[in-house]
Amino acid sequence: MKQLILFRHAKSSWDDDVADVERTLAARGERDAPRMGKRLEARHARPELIITSHAARAQRTAELVAKALGIKRKELKIERRLYLASPDDILGVVAAQDDSLSCVLVVGHNPGLTELVNRLLPDLALDNLPTSGVVAIDLAAKRWRDAPTAGAKLAYYDYPKNPELIVTGD
């Protein structure tokens, strides 16, 4: 069993006239990312690796979540292919991970993350994964390369404005 946690980057700022990839987090993003990290911790999330897009807003989100979870900087990996990635690109990154890892957290962007959630969990019928939104997916796979075709089950779905964590299963 593998667990894949998909995390959309926190709310970004539109204040600066910079390239999209260089946009930083807004004050709300700086607040929400660590809060969501703490909510992940409350759900006993134990990612052994956080993989993030190289976009400034995604990297900062990953750093804040890692800190909230007590994850060391060396367990953060920057992956340029995650920037505005398609579901297939995201799955390609996931499939390349070491099979010794049981839980991987991916910080990325929409629309790719929402599309991937809907591909793996069609019954969730997610319209839009909000900023700092999290979907944890249990995969019936022993190897990450089997993730694209493995059976998938929602472990939980959460987002900053959610008063309660949505949990399914046991």
Protein backbone atom coordinates (compact mmCIF):
# COMPACT_ATOMS: atom_id res chain seq x y z
CA MET A 1 0.00 0.00 0.00
CA LYS A 2 1.26 3.45 -0.94
CA GLN A 3 -0.20 6.79 0.05
CA LEU A 4 -0.08 9.75 -2.32
CA ILE A 5 -0.93 13.14 -0.87
CA LEU A 6 -1.71 15.83 -3.42
CA PHE A 7 -1.43 19.40 -2.12
CA ARG A 8 -2.26 22.46 -4.20
CA HIS A 9 0.09 25.35 -3.47
CA ALA A 10 -1.18 27.99 -1.03
CA LYS A 11 -2.81 31.25 -2.13
CA SER A 12 -0.37 33.27 -4.19
CA SER A 13 0.11 36.99 -4.51
CA TRP A 14 -0.75 38.95 -7.61
CA ASP A 15 0.75 42.18 -6.20
CA ASP A 16 4.10 42.05 -7.97
CA ASP A 17 4.66 42.35 -11.68
CA VAL A 18 6.69 39.14 -11.97
CA ALA A 19 6.62 36.05 -14.13
CA ASP A 20 4.05 33.44 -13.08
CA VAL A 21 6.72 31.02 -11.88
CA GLU A 22 8.14 33.72 -9.56
CA ARG A 23 4.87 34.67 -7.81
CA THR A 24 5.16 34.45 -4.03
CA LEU A 25 2.55 33.56 -1.44
CA ALA A 26 -0.07 36.05 -0.33
CA ALA A 27 -0.54 36.65 3.40
CA ARG A 28 -3.41 34.14 3.34
CA GLY A 29 -1.11 31.54 1.77
CA GLU A 30 1.54 32.12 4.43
CA ARG A 31 -1.17 31.51 7.04
CA ASP A 32 -2.98 28.58 5.39
CA ALA A 33 -0.02 26.38 4.39
CA PRO A 34 1.30 25.77 7.93
CA ARG A 35 -2.26 25.33 9.24
CA MET A 36 -2.88 22.67 6.64
CA GLY A 37 0.44 21.08 7.58
CA LYS A 38 -0.78 20.86 11.17
CA ARG A 39 -4.06 19.35 9.97
CA LEU A 40 -2.06 16.76 8.04
CA GLU A 41 -0.12 16.03 11.21
CA ALA A 42 -3.41 15.60 13.11
CA ARG A 43 -4.33 12.95 10.51
CA HIS A 44 -1.00 11.20 11.15
CA ALA A 45 0.31 11.97 7.67
CA ARG A 46 3.90 10.82 7.49
CA PRO A 47 5.29 11.69 4.07
CA GLU A 48 8.85 10.51 3.72
CA LEU A 49 9.34 12.84 0.78
CA ILE A 50 7.77 16.09 -0.39
CA ILE A 51 8.11 16.76 -4.10
CA THR A 52 7.33 20.30 -5.24
CA SER A 53 7.10 22.31 -8.39
CA HIS A 54 9.94 24.80 -8.81
CA ALA A 55 7.48 27.73 -8.80
CA ALA A 56 8.21 30.07 -5.88
CA ARG A 57 4.69 29.73 -4.46
CA ALA A 58 4.86 25.93 -4.53
CA GLN A 59 8.33 25.80 -2.98
CA ARG A 60 7.29 28.12 -0.16
CA THR A 61 4.15 26.04 0.43
CA ALA A 62 6.27 22.88 0.60
CA GLU A 63 8.67 24.50 3.07
CA LEU A 64 5.85 25.63 5.36
CA VAL A 65 4.11 22.25 5.26
CA ALA A 66 7.40 20.42 5.87
CA LYS A 67 8.14 22.60 8.88
CA ALA A 68 4.66 21.99 10.31
CA LEU A 69 5.15 18.24 9.86
CA GLY A 70 8.68 18.25 11.28
CA ILE A 71 10.14 17.13 7.94
CA LYS A 72 13.76 18.03 7.27
CA ARG A 73 14.81 20.09 4.27
CA LYS A 74 16.62 17.09 2.77
CA GLU A 75 13.24 15.36 2.35
CA LEU A 76 12.13 18.16 0.01
CA LYS A 77 12.73 17.61 -3.68
CA ILE A 78 12.20 20.26 -6.36
CA GLU A 79 10.82 18.84 -9.61
CA ARG A 80 10.54 21.20 -12.56
CA ARG A 81 8.15 18.82 -14.38
CA LEU A 82 5.47 19.59 -11.77
CA TYR A 83 5.10 23.22 -12.86
CA LEU A 84 1.61 23.46 -14.44
CA ALA A 85 1.83 19.69 -15.01
CA SER A 86 -0.81 17.50 -16.60
CA PRO A 87 -2.12 14.47 -14.69
CA ASP A 88 0.14 12.23 -16.80
CA ASP A 89 3.18 14.38 -15.96
CA ILE A 90 2.36 14.25 -12.24
CA LEU A 91 1.93 10.49 -12.38
CA GLY A 92 5.24 10.23 -14.23
CA VAL A 93 6.98 12.02 -11.37
CA VAL A 94 5.23 9.82 -8.81
CA ALA A 95 6.04 6.63 -10.74
CA ALA A 96 9.76 7.46 -10.62
CA GLN A 97 9.96 7.49 -6.81
CA ASP A 98 11.85 4.93 -4.76
CA ASP A 99 9.65 2.00 -3.77
CA SER A 100 11.04 2.09 -0.23
CA LEU A 101 8.89 5.20 0.32
CA SER A 102 5.38 4.46 1.52
CA CYS A 103 4.03 8.04 1.52
CA VAL A 104 4.83 10.86 -0.88
CA LEU A 105 3.39 14.38 -0.80
CA VAL A 106 3.27 16.33 -4.08
CA VAL A 107 2.87 20.12 -4.10
CA GLY A 108 1.66 21.39 -7.43
CA HIS A 109 -0.84 23.38 -9.44
CA ASN A 110 -4.27 23.34 -10.97
CA PRO A 111 -5.77 22.29 -13.27
CA GLY A 112 -3.50 19.23 -13.25
CA LEU A 113 -4.05 18.33 -9.61
CA THR A 114 -7.84 18.54 -9.81
CA GLU A 115 -7.82 16.51 -13.03
CA LEU A 116 -5.58 13.87 -11.43
CA VAL A 117 -7.81 13.60 -8.36
CA ASN A 118 -10.81 13.09 -10.63
CA ARG A 119 -8.97 10.47 -12.67
CA LEU A 120 -7.93 8.47 -9.60
CA LEU A 121 -11.10 9.11 -7.56
CA PRO A 122 -13.96 9.71 -10.01
CA ASP A 123 -16.60 9.34 -7.27
CA LEU A 124 -15.21 12.39 -5.47
CA ALA A 125 -16.21 14.52 -8.50
CA LEU A 126 -14.06 17.44 -7.39
CA ASP A 127 -14.85 20.69 -9.20
CA ASN A 128 -11.73 22.50 -8.06
CA LEU A 129 -9.02 21.64 -5.56
CA PRO A 130 -8.73 24.95 -3.69
CA THR A 131 -5.44 26.58 -2.77
CA SER A 132 -3.90 24.70 0.18
CA GLY A 133 -6.35 21.89 -0.57
CA VAL A 134 -5.22 18.35 0.19
CA VAL A 135 -6.35 15.00 -1.14
CA ALA A 136 -4.76 11.89 0.38
CA ILE A 137 -5.14 8.76 -1.72
CA ASP A 138 -4.43 5.20 -0.63
CA LEU A 139 -3.10 3.23 -3.58
CA ALA A 140 -3.29 -0.55 -3.80
CA ALA A 141 0.28 -0.70 -5.11
CA LYS A 142 3.63 -1.98 -3.89
CA ARG A 143 5.56 0.03 -6.47
CA TRP A 144 5.15 3.69 -7.34
CA ARG A 145 5.31 2.90 -11.03
CA ASP A 146 2.01 1.03 -10.57
CA ALA A 147 0.27 4.13 -9.18
CA PRO A 148 -1.39 5.13 -12.49
CA THR A 149 -3.30 1.86 -12.69
CA ALA A 150 -3.58 0.86 -9.03
CA GLY A 151 -6.85 0.82 -7.20
CA ALA A 152 -7.30 4.15 -5.42
CA LYS A 153 -9.29 4.97 -2.31
CA LEU A 154 -9.87 8.37 -0.73
CA ALA A 155 -8.16 8.58 2.66
CA TYR A 156 -9.19 12.21 3.23
CA TYR A 157 -9.89 15.51 1.55
CA ASP A 158 -9.35 18.81 3.34
CA TYR A 159 -9.01 22.50 2.57
CA PRO A 160 -8.57 25.66 4.68
CA LYS A 161 -12.24 26.73 4.79
CA ASN A 162 -13.41 23.21 5.64
CA PRO A 163 -14.65 23.21 9.25
CA GLU A 164 -14.09 19.46 9.49
CA LEU A 165 -11.87 17.02 7.74
CA ILE A 166 -13.69 14.80 5.26
CA VAL A 167 -12.68 11.20 5.92
CA THR A 168 -13.92 8.04 4.31
CA GLY A 169 -13.19 4.39 4.87
CA ASP A 170 -12.48 2.72 8.18
